[in-house]
Amino acid sequence: LFPVIDTLEIESWFHRKPRHKLWSRLF
């Protein structure tokens, strides 16, 4: 086991916010 930086997770912080998911469902 070792520490990592996950570039996918970093993108999720900016593009998978709860409001993004809500807009996706609504529209």
PDB file of all heavy atoms in Angstrom:
ATOM      1  N   LEU A   1       0.852  -1.180   0.000  1.00  0.00           N
ATOM      2  CA  LEU A   1       0.000   0.000   0.000  1.00  0.00           C
ATOM      3  C   LEU A   1       0.891   1.234   0.000  1.00  0.00           C
ATOM      4  O   LEU A   1       1.911   1.269   0.693  1.00  0.00           O
ATOM      5  CB  LEU A   1      -0.905   0.008   1.234  1.00  0.00           C
ATOM      6  CG  LEU A   1      -1.932   1.134   1.332  1.00  0.00           C
ATOM      7  CD1 LEU A   1      -2.940   1.060   0.195  1.00  0.00           C
ATOM      8  CD2 LEU A   1      -2.660   1.076   2.679  1.00  0.00           C
ATOM      9  N   PHE A   2       0.518   2.245  -0.772  1.00  0.00           N
ATOM     10  CA  PHE A   2       1.331   3.451  -0.870  1.00  0.00           C
ATOM     11  C   PHE A   2       0.436   4.627  -1.252  1.00  0.00           C
ATOM     12  O   PHE A   2      -0.622   4.448  -1.856  1.00  0.00           O
ATOM     13  CB  PHE A   2       2.449   3.280  -1.907  1.00  0.00           C
ATOM     14  CG  PHE A   2       1.976   2.707  -3.215  1.00  0.00           C
ATOM     15  CD1 PHE A   2       1.469   3.531  -4.212  1.00  0.00           C
ATOM     16  CD2 PHE A   2       2.036   1.336  -3.442  1.00  0.00           C
ATOM     17  CE1 PHE A   2       1.023   2.999  -5.420  1.00  0.00           C
ATOM     18  CE2 PHE A   2       1.590   0.794  -4.656  1.00  0.00           C
ATOM     19  CZ  PHE A   2       1.087   1.630  -5.637  1.00  0.00           C
ATOM     20  N   PRO A   3       0.847   5.862  -0.913  1.00  0.00           N
ATOM     21  CA  PRO A   3       0.040   7.027  -1.278  1.00  0.00           C
ATOM     22  C   PRO A   3       0.069   7.268  -2.779  1.00  0.00           C
ATOM     23  O   PRO A   3       1.085   7.028  -3.449  1.00  0.00           O
ATOM     24  CB  PRO A   3       0.713   8.181  -0.522  1.00  0.00           C
ATOM     25  CG  PRO A   3       2.095   7.716  -0.233  1.00  0.00           C
ATOM     26  CD  PRO A   3       2.037   6.232  -0.113  1.00  0.00           C
ATOM     27  N   VAL A   4      -1.049   7.734  -3.299  1.00  0.00           N
ATOM     28  CA  VAL A   4      -1.126   8.088  -4.717  1.00  0.00           C
ATOM     29  C   VAL A   4      -1.869   9.413  -4.863  1.00  0.00           C
ATOM     30  O   VAL A   4      -2.629   9.825  -3.990  1.00  0.00           O
ATOM     31  CB  VAL A   4      -1.856   7.008  -5.558  1.00  0.00           C
ATOM     32  CG1 VAL A   4      -1.168   5.661  -5.461  1.00  0.00           C
ATOM     33  CG2 VAL A   4      -3.320   6.906  -5.167  1.00  0.00           C
ATOM     34  N   ILE A   5      -1.643  10.064  -5.994  1.00  0.00           N
ATOM     35  CA  ILE A   5      -2.474  11.177  -6.443  1.00  0.00           C
ATOM     36  C   ILE A   5      -3.262  10.674  -7.637  1.00  0.00           C
ATOM     37  O   ILE A   5      -2.684  10.115  -8.576  1.00  0.00           O
ATOM     38  CB  ILE A   5      -1.633  12.409  -6.812  1.00  0.00           C
ATOM     39  CG1 ILE A   5      -0.976  12.993  -5.556  1.00  0.00           C
ATOM     40  CG2 ILE A   5      -2.493  13.467  -7.506  1.00  0.00           C
ATOM     41  CD1 ILE A   5      -0.053  14.171  -5.830  1.00  0.00           C
ATOM     42  N   ASP A   6      -4.562  10.848  -7.592  1.00  0.00           N
ATOM     43  CA  ASP A   6      -5.458  10.314  -8.613  1.00  0.00           C
ATOM     44  C   ASP A   6      -5.997  11.470  -9.464  1.00  0.00           C
ATOM     45  O   ASP A   6      -6.829  12.257  -9.006  1.00  0.00           O
ATOM     46  CB  ASP A   6      -6.609   9.573  -7.930  1.00  0.00           C
ATOM     47  CG  ASP A   6      -7.525   8.854  -8.908  1.00  0.00           C
ATOM     48  OD1 ASP A   6      -7.457   9.132 -10.120  1.00  0.00           O
ATOM     49  OD2 ASP A   6      -8.326   8.015  -8.450  1.00  0.00           O
ATOM     50  N   THR A   7      -5.509  11.583 -10.702  1.00  0.00           N
ATOM     51  CA  THR A   7      -5.929  12.692 -11.559  1.00  0.00           C
ATOM     52  C   THR A   7      -7.403  12.581 -11.948  1.00  0.00           C
ATOM     53  O   THR A   7      -8.058  13.595 -12.202  1.00  0.00           O
ATOM     54  CB  THR A   7      -5.067  12.764 -12.830  1.00  0.00           C
ATOM     55  OG1 THR A   7      -5.067  11.489 -13.494  1.00  0.00           O
ATOM     56  CG2 THR A   7      -3.631  13.150 -12.492  1.00  0.00           C
ATOM     57  N   LEU A   8      -7.946  11.381 -11.984  1.00  0.00           N
ATOM     58  CA  LEU A   8      -9.379  11.222 -12.256  1.00  0.00           C
ATOM     59  C   LEU A   8     -10.192  11.798 -11.102  1.00  0.00           C
ATOM     60  O   LEU A   8     -11.184  12.496 -11.326  1.00  0.00           O
ATOM     61  CB  LEU A   8      -9.711   9.754 -12.487  1.00  0.00           C
ATOM     62  CG  LEU A   8     -11.179   9.424 -12.803  1.00  0.00           C
ATOM     63  CD1 LEU A   8     -11.272   8.289 -13.814  1.00  0.00           C
ATOM     64  CD2 LEU A   8     -11.952   9.044 -11.548  1.00  0.00           C
ATOM     65  N   GLU A   9      -9.779  11.518  -9.890  1.00  0.00           N
ATOM     66  CA  GLU A   9     -10.500  12.049  -8.739  1.00  0.00           C
ATOM     67  C   GLU A   9     -10.440  13.570  -8.722  1.00  0.00           C
ATOM     68  O   GLU A   9     -11.434  14.245  -8.401  1.00  0.00           O
ATOM     69  CB  GLU A   9      -9.929  11.493  -7.440  1.00  0.00           C
ATOM     70  CG  GLU A   9     -10.688  11.991  -6.215  1.00  0.00           C
ATOM     71  CD  GLU A   9     -10.121  11.465  -4.907  1.00  0.00           C
ATOM     72  OE1 GLU A   9      -8.882  11.468  -4.760  1.00  0.00           O
ATOM     73  OE2 GLU A   9     -10.917  11.064  -4.054  1.00  0.00           O
ATOM     74  N   ILE A  10      -9.295  14.145  -9.066  1.00  0.00           N
ATOM     75  CA  ILE A  10      -9.178  15.597  -9.108  1.00  0.00           C
ATOM     76  C   ILE A  10     -10.188  16.182 -10.095  1.00  0.00           C
ATOM     77  O   ILE A  10     -10.871  17.169  -9.792  1.00  0.00           O
ATOM     78  CB  ILE A  10      -7.743  16.019  -9.484  1.00  0.00           C
ATOM     79  CG1 ILE A  10      -6.778  15.657  -8.339  1.00  0.00           C
ATOM     80  CG2 ILE A  10      -7.675  17.518  -9.778  1.00  0.00           C
ATOM     81  CD1 ILE A  10      -5.324  15.880  -8.665  1.00  0.00           C
ATOM     82  N   GLU A  11     -10.317  15.574 -11.271  1.00  0.00           N
ATOM     83  CA  GLU A  11     -11.309  16.053 -12.233  1.00  0.00           C
ATOM     84  C   GLU A  11     -12.725  15.925 -11.676  1.00  0.00           C
ATOM     85  O   GLU A  11     -13.585  16.772 -11.920  1.00  0.00           O
ATOM     86  CB  GLU A  11     -11.190  15.284 -13.549  1.00  0.00           C
ATOM     87  CG  GLU A  11      -9.970  15.662 -14.375  1.00  0.00           C
ATOM     88  CD  GLU A  11      -9.959  17.124 -14.752  1.00  0.00           C
ATOM     89  OE1 GLU A  11     -10.761  17.532 -15.627  1.00  0.00           O
ATOM     90  OE2 GLU A  11      -9.149  17.884 -14.168  1.00  0.00           O
ATOM     91  N   SER A  12     -12.970  14.881 -10.900  1.00  0.00           N
ATOM     92  CA  SER A  12     -14.309  14.687 -10.341  1.00  0.00           C
ATOM     93  C   SER A  12     -14.672  15.799  -9.359  1.00  0.00           C
ATOM     94  O   SER A  12     -15.840  16.134  -9.204  1.00  0.00           O
ATOM     95  CB  SER A  12     -14.419  13.320  -9.659  1.00  0.00           C
ATOM     96  OG  SER A  12     -13.772  13.310  -8.394  1.00  0.00           O
ATOM     97  N   TRP A  13     -13.680  16.366  -8.677  1.00  0.00           N
ATOM     98  CA  TRP A  13     -13.968  17.462  -7.750  1.00  0.00           C
ATOM     99  C   TRP A  13     -14.597  18.654  -8.465  1.00  0.00           C
ATOM    100  O   TRP A  13     -15.363  19.405  -7.873  1.00  0.00           O
ATOM    101  CB  TRP A  13     -12.688  17.924  -7.046  1.00  0.00           C
ATOM    102  CG  TRP A  13     -12.079  16.899  -6.146  1.00  0.00           C
ATOM    103  CD1 TRP A  13     -12.692  15.821  -5.585  1.00  0.00           C
ATOM    104  CD2 TRP A  13     -10.713  16.850  -5.699  1.00  0.00           C
ATOM    105  NE1 TRP A  13     -11.806  15.102  -4.822  1.00  0.00           N
ATOM    106  CE2 TRP A  13     -10.584  15.708  -4.873  1.00  0.00           C
ATOM    107  CE3 TRP A  13      -9.601  17.647  -5.921  1.00  0.00           C
ATOM    108  CZ2 TRP A  13      -9.382  15.368  -4.263  1.00  0.00           C
ATOM    109  CZ3 TRP A  13      -8.404  17.305  -5.321  1.00  0.00           C
ATOM    110  CH2 TRP A  13      -8.291  16.177  -4.495  1.00  0.00           C
ATOM    111  N   PHE A  14     -14.242  18.835  -9.726  1.00  0.00           N
ATOM    112  CA  PHE A  14     -14.705  20.007 -10.454  1.00  0.00           C
ATOM    113  C   PHE A  14     -15.851  19.709 -11.420  1.00  0.00           C
ATOM    114  O   PHE A  14     -16.569  20.619 -11.821  1.00  0.00           O
ATOM    115  CB  PHE A  14     -13.533  20.629 -11.224  1.00  0.00           C
ATOM    116  CG  PHE A  14     -12.439  21.126 -10.323  1.00  0.00           C
ATOM    117  CD1 PHE A  14     -11.340  20.318 -10.038  1.00  0.00           C
ATOM    118  CD2 PHE A  14     -12.526  22.367  -9.731  1.00  0.00           C
ATOM    119  CE1 PHE A  14     -10.344  20.766  -9.194  1.00  0.00           C
ATOM    120  CE2 PHE A  14     -11.527  22.820  -8.876  1.00  0.00           C
ATOM    121  CZ  PHE A  14     -10.432  22.019  -8.600  1.00  0.00           C
ATOM    122  N   HIS A  15     -16.005  18.447 -11.805  1.00  0.00           N
ATOM    123  CA  HIS A  15     -16.992  18.125 -12.839  1.00  0.00           C
ATOM    124  C   HIS A  15     -18.037  17.100 -12.407  1.00  0.00           C
ATOM    125  O   HIS A  15     -18.892  16.727 -13.200  1.00  0.00           O
ATOM    126  CB  HIS A  15     -16.290  17.623 -14.105  1.00  0.00           C
ATOM    127  CG  HIS A  15     -15.386  18.649 -14.706  1.00  0.00           C
ATOM    128  ND1 HIS A  15     -15.870  19.766 -15.360  1.00  0.00           N
ATOM    129  CD2 HIS A  15     -14.032  18.743 -14.739  1.00  0.00           C
ATOM    130  CE1 HIS A  15     -14.852  20.495 -15.777  1.00  0.00           C
ATOM    131  NE2 HIS A  15     -13.728  19.906 -15.409  1.00  0.00           N
ATOM    132  N   ARG A  16     -17.978  16.635 -11.157  1.00  0.00           N
ATOM    133  CA  ARG A  16     -18.974  15.700 -10.663  1.00  0.00           C
ATOM    134  C   ARG A  16     -19.556  16.173  -9.332  1.00  0.00           C
ATOM    135  O   ARG A  16     -19.843  15.385  -8.447  1.00  0.00           O
ATOM    136  CB  ARG A  16     -18.355  14.298 -10.515  1.00  0.00           C
ATOM    137  CG  ARG A  16     -17.925  13.664 -11.836  1.00  0.00           C
ATOM    138  CD  ARG A  16     -19.109  13.349 -12.717  1.00  0.00           C
ATOM    139  NE  ARG A  16     -18.726  12.848 -14.029  1.00  0.00           N
ATOM    140  CZ  ARG A  16     -18.554  11.559 -14.321  1.00  0.00           C
ATOM    141  NH1 ARG A  16     -18.741  10.654 -13.384  1.00  0.00           N
ATOM    142  NH2 ARG A  16     -18.215  11.194 -15.540  1.00  0.00           N
ATOM    143  N   LYS A  17     -19.726  17.497  -9.215  1.00  0.00           N
ATOM    144  CA  LYS A  17     -20.350  18.051  -8.019  1.00  0.00           C
ATOM    145  C   LYS A  17     -21.813  17.623  -7.958  1.00  0.00           C
ATOM    146  O   LYS A  17     -22.414  17.306  -8.990  1.00  0.00           O
ATOM    147  CB  LYS A  17     -20.262  19.579  -8.048  1.00  0.00           C
ATOM    148  CG  LYS A  17     -18.852  20.134  -8.118  1.00  0.00           C
ATOM    149  CD  LYS A  17     -18.911  21.641  -8.279  1.00  0.00           C
ATOM    150  CE  LYS A  17     -17.530  22.228  -8.490  1.00  0.00           C
ATOM    151  NZ  LYS A  17     -17.574  23.689  -8.731  1.00  0.00           N
ATOM    152  N   PRO A  18     -22.425  17.659  -6.771  1.00  0.00           N
ATOM    153  CA  PRO A  18     -23.845  17.298  -6.670  1.00  0.00           C
ATOM    154  C   PRO A  18     -24.735  18.091  -7.622  1.00  0.00           C
ATOM    155  O   PRO A  18     -25.678  17.547  -8.198  1.00  0.00           O
ATOM    156  CB  PRO A  18     -24.165  17.611  -5.198  1.00  0.00           C
ATOM    157  CG  PRO A  18     -22.870  17.406  -4.488  1.00  0.00           C
ATOM    158  CD  PRO A  18     -21.822  17.882  -5.445  1.00  0.00           C
ATOM    159  N   ARG A  19     -24.435  19.385  -7.834  1.00  0.00           N
ATOM    160  CA  ARG A  19     -25.288  20.170  -8.728  1.00  0.00           C
ATOM    161  C   ARG A  19     -25.154  19.714 -10.179  1.00  0.00           C
ATOM    162  O   ARG A  19     -26.115  19.777 -10.943  1.00  0.00           O
ATOM    163  CB  ARG A  19     -24.979  21.662  -8.603  1.00  0.00           C
ATOM    164  CG  ARG A  19     -23.556  22.080  -8.983  1.00  0.00           C
ATOM    165  CD  ARG A  19     -23.370  23.574  -8.714  1.00  0.00           C
ATOM    166  NE  ARG A  19     -22.009  24.016  -8.885  1.00  0.00           N
ATOM    167  CZ  ARG A  19     -21.490  24.425 -10.028  1.00  0.00           C
ATOM    168  NH1 ARG A  19     -22.247  24.419 -11.116  1.00  0.00           N
ATOM    169  NH2 ARG A  19     -20.240  24.826 -10.102  1.00  0.00           N
ATOM    170  N   HIS A  20     -23.960  19.226 -10.556  1.00  0.00           N
ATOM    171  CA  HIS A  20     -23.788  18.704 -11.907  1.00  0.00           C
ATOM    172  C   HIS A  20     -24.653  17.460 -12.108  1.00  0.00           C
ATOM    173  O   HIS A  20     -25.273  17.276 -13.160  1.00  0.00           O
ATOM    174  CB  HIS A  20     -22.317  18.356 -12.162  1.00  0.00           C
ATOM    175  CG  HIS A  20     -21.429  19.554 -12.219  1.00  0.00           C
ATOM    176  ND1 HIS A  20     -20.097  19.497 -11.885  1.00  0.00           N
ATOM    177  CD2 HIS A  20     -21.675  20.844 -12.556  1.00  0.00           C
ATOM    178  CE1 HIS A  20     -19.552  20.695 -12.022  1.00  0.00           C
ATOM    179  NE2 HIS A  20     -20.495  21.526 -12.426  1.00  0.00           N
ATOM    180  N   LYS A  21     -24.678  16.607 -11.096  1.00  0.00           N
ATOM    181  CA  LYS A  21     -25.476  15.387 -11.186  1.00  0.00           C
ATOM    182  C   LYS A  21     -26.966  15.711 -11.219  1.00  0.00           C
ATOM    183  O   LYS A  21     -27.745  15.063 -11.929  1.00  0.00           O
ATOM    184  CB  LYS A  21     -25.146  14.462 -10.015  1.00  0.00           C
ATOM    185  CG  LYS A  21     -23.702  13.970 -10.033  1.00  0.00           C
ATOM    186  CD  LYS A  21     -23.395  13.097  -8.829  1.00  0.00           C
ATOM    187  CE  LYS A  21     -21.945  12.620  -8.847  1.00  0.00           C
ATOM    188  NZ  LYS A  21     -21.612  11.795  -7.667  1.00  0.00           N
ATOM    189  N   LEU A  22     -27.374  16.746 -10.445  1.00  0.00           N
ATOM    190  CA  LEU A  22     -28.779  17.157 -10.445  1.00  0.00           C
ATOM    191  C   LEU A  22     -29.189  17.678 -11.812  1.00  0.00           C
ATOM    192  O   LEU A  22     -30.232  17.301 -12.349  1.00  0.00           O
ATOM    193  CB  LEU A  22     -28.997  18.225  -9.373  1.00  0.00           C
ATOM    194  CG  LEU A  22     -30.417  18.822  -9.304  1.00  0.00           C
ATOM    195  CD1 LEU A  22     -31.424  17.724  -8.988  1.00  0.00           C
ATOM    196  CD2 LEU A  22     -30.480  19.931  -8.260  1.00  0.00           C
ATOM    197  N   TRP A  23     -28.362  18.537 -12.412  1.00  0.00           N
ATOM    198  CA  TRP A  23     -28.673  19.071 -13.736  1.00  0.00           C
ATOM    199  C   TRP A  23     -28.741  17.949 -14.765  1.00  0.00           C
ATOM    200  O   TRP A  23     -29.564  17.970 -15.672  1.00  0.00           O
ATOM    201  CB  TRP A  23     -27.618  20.087 -14.160  1.00  0.00           C
ATOM    202  CG  TRP A  23     -27.654  21.354 -13.359  1.00  0.00           C
ATOM    203  CD1 TRP A  23     -28.672  21.805 -12.570  1.00  0.00           C
ATOM    204  CD2 TRP A  23     -26.609  22.322 -13.262  1.00  0.00           C
ATOM    205  NE1 TRP A  23     -28.333  22.988 -11.984  1.00  0.00           N
ATOM    206  CE2 TRP A  23     -27.072  23.352 -12.382  1.00  0.00           C
ATOM    207  CE3 TRP A  23     -25.335  22.443 -13.799  1.00  0.00           C
ATOM    208  CZ2 TRP A  23     -26.303  24.463 -12.058  1.00  0.00           C
ATOM    209  CZ3 TRP A  23     -24.575  23.552 -13.490  1.00  0.00           C
ATOM    210  CH2 TRP A  23     -25.054  24.550 -12.628  1.00  0.00           C
ATOM    211  N   SER A  24     -27.860  16.974 -14.603  1.00  0.00           N
ATOM    212  CA  SER A  24     -27.857  15.855 -15.536  1.00  0.00           C
ATOM    213  C   SER A  24     -29.178  15.095 -15.489  1.00  0.00           C
ATOM    214  O   SER A  24     -29.752  14.730 -16.520  1.00  0.00           O
ATOM    215  CB  SER A  24     -26.690  14.914 -15.222  1.00  0.00           C
ATOM    216  OG  SER A  24     -26.709  13.779 -16.043  1.00  0.00           O
ATOM    217  N   ARG A  25     -29.675  14.863 -14.273  1.00  0.00           N
ATOM    218  CA  ARG A  25     -30.944  14.145 -14.125  1.00  0.00           C
ATOM    219  C   ARG A  25     -32.122  14.982 -14.610  1.00  0.00           C
ATOM    220  O   ARG A  25     -33.034  14.485 -15.278  1.00  0.00           O
ATOM    221  CB  ARG A  25     -31.155  13.742 -12.656  1.00  0.00           C
ATOM    222  CG  ARG A  25     -30.231  12.644 -12.171  1.00  0.00           C
ATOM    223  CD  ARG A  25     -30.763  12.039 -10.876  1.00  0.00           C
ATOM    224  NE  ARG A  25     -30.820  13.033  -9.817  1.00  0.00           N
ATOM    225  CZ  ARG A  25     -29.845  13.257  -8.945  1.00  0.00           C
ATOM    226  NH1 ARG A  25     -28.725  12.566  -9.031  1.00  0.00           N
ATOM    227  NH2 ARG A  25     -29.980  14.172  -7.985  1.00  0.00           N
ATOM    228  N   LEU A  26     -32.108  16.280 -14.287  1.00  0.00           N
ATOM    229  CA  LEU A  26     -33.239  17.137 -14.633  1.00  0.00           C
ATOM    230  C   LEU A  26     -33.358  17.377 -16.131  1.00  0.00           C
ATOM    231  O   LEU A  26     -34.458  17.388 -16.695  1.00  0.00           O
ATOM    232  CB  LEU A  26     -33.108  18.482 -13.910  1.00  0.00           C
ATOM    233  CG  LEU A  26     -33.359  18.480 -12.404  1.00  0.00           C
ATOM    234  CD1 LEU A  26     -33.115  19.856 -11.816  1.00  0.00           C
ATOM    235  CD2 LEU A  26     -34.772  18.008 -12.085  1.00  0.00           C
ATOM    236  N   PHE A  27     -32.223  17.562 -16.796  1.00  0.00           N
ATOM    237  CA  PHE A  27     -32.249  17.947 -18.200  1.00  0.00           C
ATOM    238  C   PHE A  27     -31.810  16.820 -19.137  1.00  0.00           C
ATOM    239  O   PHE A  27     -31.736  17.012 -20.350  1.00  0.00           O
ATOM    240  CB  PHE A  27     -31.359  19.175 -18.424  1.00  0.00           C
ATOM    241  CG  PHE A  27     -31.822  20.383 -17.653  1.00  0.00           C
ATOM    242  CD1 PHE A  27     -31.153  20.786 -16.505  1.00  0.00           C
ATOM    243  CD2 PHE A  27     -32.937  21.097 -18.055  1.00  0.00           C
ATOM    244  CE1 PHE A  27     -31.577  21.895 -15.785  1.00  0.00           C
ATOM    245  CE2 PHE A  27     -33.367  22.213 -17.335  1.00  0.00           C
ATOM    246  CZ  PHE A  27     -32.692  22.598 -16.201  1.00  0.00           C
TER     247      PHE A  27
END
